[in-house]
Amino acid sequence: MKKSIWIIIGIVGGLVITASAFSAGAIVGNLLLPQPALSWFAESTQIVPSQGAEGTPATDPSANISIEELFIPFWETWEIIHDQYIDQPVDNTTLMRGAISGMLDSLGDQHTSYMDPDQYMQANIPMDGEYEGIGAWVDTTSEYLTIISPMPNSPAEEAGLIPGDQVIMIDGEDMTGIDGSLVIRKVLGPAGSKVVLTIRREGKPEPFDVTIIRKKIIVPSVDSKMLEENIGYVQIMTFGADTRSELRENLEGLLEQNPIGLIVDLRNNGGGYLQTAVEVGSEFIAEGVILYEDYGYDDGMEEFNANKGGLATEIPLVLLVNEGSASASEIVAGAIQDHQRGPLVGATTFGKGSVQNWIELRNNQGAVRVTIARWLTPDKRQIHETGLTPKFLVEFTEEDFLAELDPQLDKAIEVLLDIIE
């Protein structure tokens, strides 16, 4: 497979809950990969074996057994169901789709799954018009829709949602077993309308309800200001199509004021485009690798290097991260950490380091979401499900938030001043 042509990246760890074009766990276009070497369950039972990278046979402990022989127990079970199951007739399409789901579930990867045609259609309905919702980055691949981080000044933040919150019910409807991409659509709604989310939160003995009034959400990207002690501060809130130009504009404005150093804030940044992550990292790293993508086979490693012409590759730097820093944010943070460009301050990051593609199945039979790669830091560290640990761990409590304190930013200023001295 030609990775540069076929792979449509999905680095983002979550979605913005707005009526925007953010769908299916990744910010991607409408393209889908060409159909892989699959075959449907057919009367002939001539099932084509799956192919590995570059057309090589997939590794299988039962590789010396023919596909027909391997599937004998499957077809025996199929016949038993049709002959003996009490409620007849059974729905063959339902059985087939259940078999696909079970096959993908057996891989033990929460990001690899099946979506039936109805679910797939709903997940791909264009979401045009104004962006209206609660304003949060979410993870759609967990058991329940999970908050990665609320967006600044959003209804989600005002309602007190925090990273790790799981949405187990919406307006009293149980969300167990419902695909996260569909759960999002139940959270969306017109500005001014109300939605009640039942939240399960670690450390709380019982779930609790949160009532949120939806509003129009403008997805922020970059903001900046000068702090005391002549320190420049840049907050990057997402990795969108315009983030690079916005970041450069903000950096130019700050650098004109001759700051002694920069604090770059990636807290609660749920991610975005892979290319944007490389571009953002290149503003702070002059040369070298920003990340690797590992496709899981020999020589299946793609290298992404820093672009030339970064505006802030020499100035002293400190990076702020937290539990809501995910995916593309972790790409930038991992590169800065490995290149020793500046220390990380805050809390361990979310830990989203895998890449998924939706692949549409033939004959309008839905789609499968498959993990196709994992990205690694320049030192080839894997952060999936572990995250990045800052050099300076600083807790940010609910009490700090209510008191409008920011001990993590305070520590970042202290660390930056120590570096400069």
Protein backbone atom coordinates (compact mmCIF):
# COMPACT_ATOMS: atom_id res chain seq x y z
CA MET A 1 0.00 0.00 0.00
CA LYS A 2 1.32 3.47 -0.88
CA LYS A 3 0.94 5.22 2.43
CA SER A 4 1.36 8.72 1.03
CA ILE A 5 -1.61 8.19 -1.31
CA TRP A 6 -3.98 5.89 0.50
CA ILE A 7 -3.80 6.85 4.13
CA ILE A 8 -6.21 9.47 5.34
CA ILE A 9 -5.00 10.50 8.74
CA GLY A 10 -7.18 10.81 11.83
CA ILE A 11 -4.83 12.15 14.49
CA VAL A 12 -7.44 13.96 16.51
CA GLY A 13 -8.42 12.23 19.72
CA GLY A 14 -11.86 13.72 19.85
CA LEU A 15 -14.49 15.81 18.17
CA VAL A 16 -15.92 19.23 18.72
CA ILE A 17 -19.52 18.81 19.77
CA THR A 18 -20.81 21.42 17.37
CA ALA A 19 -22.71 21.24 14.14
CA SER A 20 -19.48 21.29 12.20
CA ALA A 21 -17.70 18.96 9.83
CA PHE A 22 -15.92 17.14 12.63
CA SER A 23 -17.10 13.52 12.49
CA ALA A 24 -16.18 9.88 13.02
CA GLY A 25 -13.33 10.45 15.46
CA ALA A 26 -11.07 12.25 13.01
CA ILE A 27 -10.86 15.45 11.05
CA VAL A 28 -10.72 14.07 7.54
CA GLY A 29 -12.20 14.67 4.10
CA ASN A 30 -14.92 12.62 2.52
CA LEU A 31 -12.42 10.30 0.81
CA LEU A 32 -12.26 6.65 1.74
CA LEU A 33 -9.56 4.11 1.13
CA PRO A 34 -9.92 1.80 -1.88
CA GLN A 35 -11.59 -1.47 -1.01
CA PRO A 36 -9.12 -3.88 0.60
CA ALA A 37 -8.94 -7.60 -0.17
CA LEU A 38 -12.13 -8.55 1.61
CA SER A 39 -14.90 -10.89 0.57
CA TRP A 40 -18.41 -11.22 1.83
CA PHE A 41 -19.86 -14.32 3.35
CA ALA A 42 -21.21 -15.96 0.21
CA GLU A 43 -22.98 -19.17 -0.64
CA SER A 44 -19.81 -20.42 -2.29
CA THR A 45 -17.92 -19.88 0.98
CA GLN A 46 -14.91 -18.90 -1.11
CA ILE A 47 -13.49 -16.40 1.34
CA VAL A 48 -10.43 -14.47 0.23
CA PRO A 49 -7.71 -14.28 2.90
CA SER A 50 -6.81 -10.79 4.10
CA GLN A 51 -3.66 -9.16 2.86
CA GLY A 52 -0.99 -7.51 4.95
CA ALA A 53 1.16 -4.54 4.10
CA GLU A 54 2.35 -4.19 0.51
CA GLY A 55 0.23 -7.22 -0.48
CA THR A 56 2.01 -9.74 1.76
CA PRO A 57 -0.17 -12.36 3.46
CA ALA A 58 -1.30 -11.40 6.95
CA THR A 59 0.41 -13.32 9.71
CA ASP A 60 -1.92 -15.99 11.08
CA PRO A 61 -1.12 -18.93 13.38
CA SER A 62 -3.57 -20.93 11.26
CA ALA A 63 -1.95 -19.89 7.98
CA ASN A 64 -1.28 -23.50 7.01
CA ILE A 65 -5.01 -24.28 7.15
CA SER A 66 -7.16 -23.46 4.14
CA ILE A 67 -9.77 -20.76 4.53
CA GLU A 68 -12.52 -23.27 3.77
CA GLU A 69 -11.32 -25.58 6.55
CA LEU A 70 -10.81 -22.69 8.97
CA PHE A 71 -14.41 -21.57 8.50
CA ILE A 72 -16.00 -25.00 9.00
CA PRO A 73 -16.97 -24.17 12.64
CA PHE A 74 -18.48 -20.90 11.49
CA TRP A 75 -20.74 -22.55 8.95
CA GLU A 76 -21.61 -25.35 11.39
CA THR A 77 -22.76 -22.68 13.83
CA TRP A 78 -24.67 -20.93 11.05
CA GLU A 79 -26.56 -24.17 10.30
CA ILE A 80 -27.26 -24.86 13.99
CA ILE A 81 -28.80 -21.40 14.37
CA HIS A 82 -31.03 -21.91 11.34
CA ASP A 83 -32.01 -25.47 12.36
CA GLN A 84 -32.43 -25.19 16.12
CA TYR A 85 -32.78 -21.57 17.30
CA ILE A 86 -36.24 -21.08 18.80
CA ASP A 87 -37.23 -17.82 17.09
CA GLN A 88 -37.40 -18.49 13.34
CA PRO A 89 -36.81 -17.23 10.77
CA VAL A 90 -33.54 -15.59 11.75
CA ASP A 91 -32.26 -12.51 9.94
CA ASN A 92 -29.22 -13.49 7.89
CA THR A 93 -28.09 -9.88 7.46
CA THR A 94 -28.14 -9.37 11.21
CA LEU A 95 -26.10 -12.55 11.68
CA MET A 96 -23.58 -11.41 9.08
CA ARG A 97 -23.18 -7.98 10.66
CA GLY A 98 -22.87 -9.53 14.08
CA ALA A 99 -20.10 -11.76 12.77
CA ILE A 100 -18.23 -8.73 11.44
CA SER A 101 -18.60 -6.93 14.76
CA GLY A 102 -17.39 -9.98 16.67
CA MET A 103 -14.41 -10.39 14.36
CA LEU A 104 -13.34 -6.78 14.90
CA ASP A 105 -14.01 -6.91 18.64
CA SER A 106 -11.76 -9.95 18.93
CA LEU A 107 -8.77 -7.79 17.98
CA GLY A 108 -9.00 -6.14 21.39
CA ASP A 109 -8.61 -2.64 19.94
CA GLN A 110 -11.26 -0.19 21.11
CA HIS A 111 -10.64 1.97 18.02
CA THR A 112 -11.35 -0.84 15.52
CA SER A 113 -15.07 -1.45 15.03
CA TYR A 114 -18.00 -1.92 12.66
CA MET A 115 -20.78 0.52 11.79
CA ASP A 116 -23.88 -0.80 10.05
CA PRO A 117 -25.32 1.07 7.03
CA ASP A 118 -27.79 3.14 9.04
CA GLN A 119 -25.18 4.16 11.56
CA TYR A 120 -22.68 4.90 8.82
CA MET A 121 -25.19 7.04 6.93
CA GLN A 122 -26.04 9.06 10.05
CA ALA A 123 -22.38 9.50 10.92
CA ASN A 124 -21.73 10.99 7.47
CA ILE A 125 -24.67 13.36 7.22
CA PRO A 126 -23.13 16.73 6.35
CA MET A 127 -23.42 19.08 9.29
CA ASP A 128 -23.82 22.47 7.62
CA GLY A 129 -24.89 25.77 9.04
CA GLU A 130 -24.04 27.42 12.32
CA TYR A 131 -22.06 25.53 14.92
CA GLU A 132 -24.43 24.85 17.78
CA GLY A 133 -23.84 22.52 20.69
CA ILE A 134 -22.09 22.42 24.05
CA GLY A 135 -18.48 23.06 22.96
CA ALA A 136 -16.29 20.14 24.03
CA TRP A 137 -13.61 17.88 22.63
CA VAL A 138 -14.64 14.26 23.06
CA ASP A 139 -13.39 10.72 22.53
CA THR A 140 -15.90 8.67 20.54
CA THR A 141 -14.02 5.38 20.78
CA SER A 142 -14.48 4.53 24.45
CA GLU A 143 -17.37 2.57 25.93
CA TYR A 144 -19.19 5.85 26.42
CA LEU A 145 -18.70 9.25 24.83
CA THR A 146 -15.89 10.71 26.95
CA ILE A 147 -14.98 14.34 27.49
CA ILE A 148 -11.38 15.05 26.51
CA SER A 149 -11.74 18.71 27.40
CA PRO A 150 -14.33 21.49 27.38
CA MET A 151 -13.58 24.40 25.11
CA PRO A 152 -12.75 27.73 26.77
CA ASN A 153 -15.84 29.78 27.70
CA SER A 154 -18.13 27.10 26.32
CA PRO A 155 -21.40 25.81 27.83
CA ALA A 156 -19.54 22.57 28.64
CA GLU A 157 -16.92 24.46 30.65
CA GLU A 158 -19.53 26.63 32.35
CA ALA A 159 -21.45 23.48 33.33
CA GLY A 160 -18.33 22.09 35.02
CA LEU A 161 -17.54 19.19 32.68
CA ILE A 162 -13.96 17.98 33.04
CA PRO A 163 -11.63 15.62 31.15
CA GLY A 164 -12.59 11.99 31.70
CA ASP A 165 -16.31 12.59 32.24
CA GLN A 166 -18.36 9.83 30.57
CA VAL A 167 -21.78 10.57 29.08
CA ILE A 168 -23.86 7.55 30.04
CA MET A 169 -27.33 9.01 29.39
CA ILE A 170 -28.74 11.89 27.35
CA ASP A 171 -32.12 13.33 28.32
CA GLY A 172 -32.75 10.13 30.25
CA GLU A 173 -31.91 7.81 27.34
CA ASP A 174 -29.30 5.13 28.05
CA MET A 175 -26.24 5.43 25.80
CA THR A 176 -24.89 1.95 26.52
CA GLY A 177 -23.77 0.25 23.32
CA ILE A 178 -24.45 3.25 21.07
CA ASP A 179 -21.61 4.34 18.80
CA GLY A 180 -19.99 7.57 19.95
CA SER A 181 -20.46 9.21 16.56
CA LEU A 182 -24.21 8.79 16.99
CA VAL A 183 -24.18 9.89 20.62
CA ILE A 184 -22.70 13.19 19.45
CA ARG A 185 -25.77 13.86 17.34
CA LYS A 186 -27.96 13.54 20.40
CA VAL A 187 -25.84 16.18 22.14
CA LEU A 188 -26.06 18.58 19.18
CA GLY A 189 -29.00 20.93 19.00
CA PRO A 190 -30.10 24.48 18.31
CA ALA A 191 -28.70 27.34 20.36
CA GLY A 192 -30.87 28.06 23.39
CA SER A 193 -32.15 24.51 23.72
CA LYS A 194 -31.48 22.36 26.77
CA VAL A 195 -29.79 18.98 27.04
CA VAL A 196 -29.40 16.89 30.18
CA LEU A 197 -26.27 14.73 30.32
CA THR A 198 -25.91 12.01 32.91
CA ILE A 199 -22.23 11.93 33.81
CA ARG A 200 -20.10 9.20 35.32
CA ARG A 201 -16.97 10.70 36.86
CA GLU A 202 -14.02 8.96 38.44
CA GLY A 203 -14.02 9.54 42.19
CA LYS A 204 -17.77 10.15 42.34
CA PRO A 205 -19.76 7.25 43.83
CA GLU A 206 -22.87 7.84 41.71
CA PRO A 207 -23.63 9.30 38.27
CA PHE A 208 -25.10 12.79 38.26
CA ASP A 209 -27.03 14.99 35.85
CA VAL A 210 -25.68 18.13 34.22
CA THR A 211 -28.08 20.49 32.46
CA ILE A 212 -26.51 22.48 29.64
CA ILE A 213 -27.97 25.20 27.45
CA ARG A 214 -26.57 24.84 23.95
CA LYS A 215 -25.26 27.85 22.08
CA LYS A 216 -23.48 28.80 18.89
CA ILE A 217 -19.87 27.67 19.17
CA ILE A 218 -17.02 29.37 17.40
CA VAL A 219 -14.13 26.92 17.34
CA PRO A 220 -11.09 28.84 18.60
CA SER A 221 -7.59 28.21 17.27
CA VAL A 222 -4.86 30.54 18.59
CA ASP A 223 -4.68 33.39 21.09
CA SER A 224 -1.73 35.26 22.58
CA LYS A 225 -0.75 38.02 25.00
CA MET A 226 2.18 39.40 26.92
CA LEU A 227 2.48 38.40 30.58
CA GLU A 228 4.34 40.12 33.37
CA GLU A 229 8.13 39.72 33.39
CA ASN A 230 8.06 40.35 29.61
CA ILE A 231 7.00 36.77 28.83
CA GLY A 232 5.09 35.91 25.68
CA TYR A 233 2.11 33.57 26.04
CA VAL A 234 0.52 31.61 23.16
CA GLN A 235 -2.53 29.40 23.60
CA ILE A 236 -3.24 26.90 20.79
CA MET A 237 -6.74 25.53 21.19
CA THR A 238 -7.04 23.29 18.14
CA PHE A 239 -5.04 22.13 15.12
CA GLY A 240 -7.21 23.27 12.25
CA ALA A 241 -6.64 24.27 8.66
CA ASP A 242 -5.88 27.90 9.57
CA THR A 243 -3.90 27.28 12.76
CA ARG A 244 -0.48 27.67 11.15
CA SER A 245 -1.26 31.11 9.71
CA GLU A 246 -2.94 32.23 12.94
CA LEU A 247 0.01 30.99 14.99
CA ARG A 248 2.53 32.79 12.81
CA GLU A 249 0.52 36.00 13.02
CA ASN A 250 0.38 35.74 16.82
CA LEU A 251 4.08 34.89 17.08
CA GLU A 252 5.05 37.81 14.89
CA GLY A 253 3.05 40.14 17.13
CA LEU A 254 4.68 38.78 20.27
CA LEU A 255 8.22 38.68 18.92
CA GLU A 256 7.97 42.34 17.89
CA GLN A 257 7.76 43.07 21.63
CA ASN A 258 11.06 41.24 22.31
CA PRO A 259 9.86 38.79 24.97
CA ILE A 260 12.48 37.05 27.08
CA GLY A 261 10.78 33.69 26.48
CA LEU A 262 7.57 31.97 25.42
CA ILE A 263 4.98 29.85 27.19
CA VAL A 264 2.99 27.72 24.74
CA ASP A 265 -0.28 26.44 26.20
CA LEU A 266 -1.69 23.19 24.75
CA ARG A 267 -3.94 22.40 27.72
CA ASN A 268 -7.38 21.09 26.75
CA ASN A 269 -6.37 20.99 23.08
CA GLY A 270 -8.02 17.85 21.72
CA GLY A 271 -6.03 17.69 18.49
CA GLY A 272 -6.64 18.18 14.79
CA TYR A 273 -4.87 17.68 11.48
CA LEU A 274 -1.60 15.77 11.34
CA GLN A 275 -0.11 18.25 8.85
CA THR A 276 -1.01 21.14 11.15
CA ALA A 277 0.75 19.40 14.05
CA VAL A 278 3.90 19.17 11.91
CA GLU A 279 3.56 22.84 10.94
CA VAL A 280 3.04 23.96 14.53
CA GLY A 281 5.97 21.89 15.78
CA SER A 282 8.12 23.42 13.03
CA GLU A 283 7.58 26.90 14.44
CA PHE A 284 9.50 25.85 17.56
CA ILE A 285 11.87 23.14 16.26
CA ALA A 286 14.39 24.18 13.60
CA GLU A 287 15.13 20.75 12.14
CA GLY A 288 14.77 17.03 12.71
CA VAL A 289 11.92 14.59 13.13
CA ILE A 290 8.56 15.75 14.46
CA LEU A 291 7.01 12.27 14.53
CA TYR A 292 7.10 8.81 13.02
CA GLU A 293 4.14 6.77 11.87
CA ASP A 294 4.54 3.04 12.44
CA TYR A 295 2.43 0.82 10.19
CA GLY A 296 3.37 -2.37 12.00
CA TYR A 297 5.44 -4.19 9.40
CA ASP A 298 9.08 -4.28 8.31
CA ASP A 299 10.18 -0.90 6.98
CA GLY A 300 6.66 0.34 7.58
CA MET A 301 7.76 3.58 9.20
CA GLU A 302 7.11 7.03 7.77
CA GLU A 303 9.11 10.02 8.97
CA PHE A 304 7.72 13.55 9.27
CA ASN A 305 10.40 16.24 9.56
CA ALA A 306 10.29 19.86 10.64
CA ASN A 307 9.66 22.46 7.96
CA LYS A 308 12.18 25.24 7.57
CA GLY A 309 11.51 28.85 8.52
CA GLY A 310 10.05 28.50 12.03
CA LEU A 311 9.65 31.82 13.85
CA ALA A 312 10.40 30.68 17.40
CA THR A 313 13.11 28.04 17.12
CA GLU A 314 15.66 29.79 19.36
CA ILE A 315 13.72 31.66 22.03
CA PRO A 316 13.50 29.97 25.50
CA LEU A 317 10.34 27.90 25.68
CA VAL A 318 8.07 26.14 28.19
CA LEU A 319 5.09 24.01 27.15
CA LEU A 320 1.89 23.62 29.20
CA VAL A 321 -0.09 20.36 28.88
CA ASN A 322 -2.77 18.50 30.83
CA GLU A 323 -5.16 15.54 30.68
CA GLY A 324 -7.07 17.26 27.87
CA SER A 325 -4.00 17.57 25.63
CA ALA A 326 -4.53 14.83 23.06
CA SER A 327 -3.37 13.50 19.74
CA ALA A 328 -1.96 16.36 17.62
CA SER A 329 -1.17 18.21 20.85
CA GLU A 330 0.82 15.20 21.98
CA ILE A 331 2.69 15.10 18.68
CA VAL A 332 3.94 18.64 19.26
CA ALA A 333 4.60 18.08 22.96
CA GLY A 334 6.47 14.83 22.29
CA ALA A 335 8.66 16.50 19.66
CA ILE A 336 9.49 19.42 21.93
CA GLN A 337 10.24 17.03 24.77
CA ASP A 338 12.47 14.70 22.72
CA HIS A 339 14.37 17.54 21.08
CA GLN A 340 14.87 19.06 24.55
CA ARG A 341 13.49 22.26 23.12
CA GLY A 342 11.76 23.10 26.38
CA PRO A 343 10.32 21.40 29.46
CA LEU A 344 6.71 20.31 29.82
CA VAL A 345 4.71 21.62 32.77
CA GLY A 346 1.29 20.43 33.95
CA ALA A 347 -0.32 16.98 33.99
CA THR A 348 0.16 13.74 32.03
CA THR A 349 -1.48 14.01 28.61
CA PHE A 350 -4.46 12.04 27.30
CA GLY A 351 -2.54 9.31 25.45
CA LYS A 352 -4.01 9.07 21.93
CA GLY A 353 -1.32 7.75 19.61
CA SER A 354 -3.12 5.60 17.06
CA VAL A 355 -4.51 6.37 13.61
CA GLN A 356 -7.80 5.07 12.24
CA ASN A 357 -9.50 4.95 8.83
CA TRP A 358 -13.11 4.30 7.97
CA ILE A 359 -13.29 1.86 5.04
CA GLU A 360 -16.65 1.62 3.28
CA LEU A 361 -17.80 -1.92 2.54
CA ARG A 362 -19.29 -3.05 -0.75
CA ASN A 363 -22.99 -3.06 -1.55
CA ASN A 364 -23.91 -0.42 1.04
CA GLN A 365 -23.11 -2.76 3.94
CA GLY A 366 -21.70 -0.12 6.27
CA ALA A 367 -18.06 0.48 7.11
CA VAL A 368 -15.28 -0.72 9.34
CA ARG A 369 -13.01 1.56 11.35
CA VAL A 370 -9.53 0.06 11.47
CA THR A 371 -6.43 1.14 13.33
CA ILE A 372 -3.84 1.40 10.57
CA ALA A 373 -0.88 2.96 12.36
CA ARG A 374 0.56 4.31 15.57
CA TRP A 375 2.58 7.47 15.74
CA LEU A 376 5.80 7.69 17.72
CA THR A 377 7.79 10.61 19.12
CA PRO A 378 11.16 11.52 17.55
CA ASP A 379 12.84 9.16 20.06
CA LYS A 380 10.34 6.50 18.88
CA ARG A 381 8.42 6.48 22.13
CA GLN A 382 4.84 5.23 21.96
CA ILE A 383 2.41 7.30 24.01
CA HIS A 384 -0.83 5.47 23.20
CA GLU A 385 -2.84 4.94 26.41
CA THR A 386 0.09 6.23 28.50
CA GLY A 387 0.47 9.86 27.48
CA LEU A 388 3.42 12.18 28.02
CA THR A 389 4.61 12.93 31.55
CA PRO A 390 5.77 16.52 32.11
CA LYS A 391 9.08 17.25 33.78
CA PHE A 392 7.18 19.41 36.24
CA LEU A 393 3.94 17.81 37.42
CA VAL A 394 1.50 20.37 38.79
CA GLU A 395 -2.03 19.66 39.94
CA PHE A 396 -4.89 21.92 38.89
CA THR A 397 -7.79 21.30 41.27
CA GLU A 398 -11.46 22.16 41.11
CA GLU A 399 -10.84 24.54 43.97
CA ASP A 400 -8.16 26.30 41.91
CA PHE A 401 -10.62 26.67 39.04
CA LEU A 402 -13.36 28.09 41.24
CA ALA A 403 -10.89 30.51 42.82
CA GLU A 404 -9.68 31.57 39.35
CA LEU A 405 -6.17 30.38 40.12
CA ASP A 406 -3.79 28.74 37.66
CA PRO A 407 -0.95 27.00 39.50
CA GLN A 408 0.21 25.32 36.28
CA LEU A 409 0.73 28.64 34.49
CA ASP A 410 2.40 30.03 37.61
CA LYS A 411 4.84 27.11 37.58
CA ALA A 412 5.51 27.57 33.86
CA ILE A 413 6.47 31.20 34.47
CA GLU A 414 8.74 30.15 37.33
CA VAL A 415 10.42 27.46 35.20
CA LEU A 416 10.92 29.83 32.26
CA LEU A 417 12.52 32.47 34.47
CA ASP A 418 14.86 29.83 35.90
CA ILE A 419 15.87 28.78 32.36
CA ILE A 420 16.65 32.35 31.38
CA GLU A 421 18.70 33.02 34.51
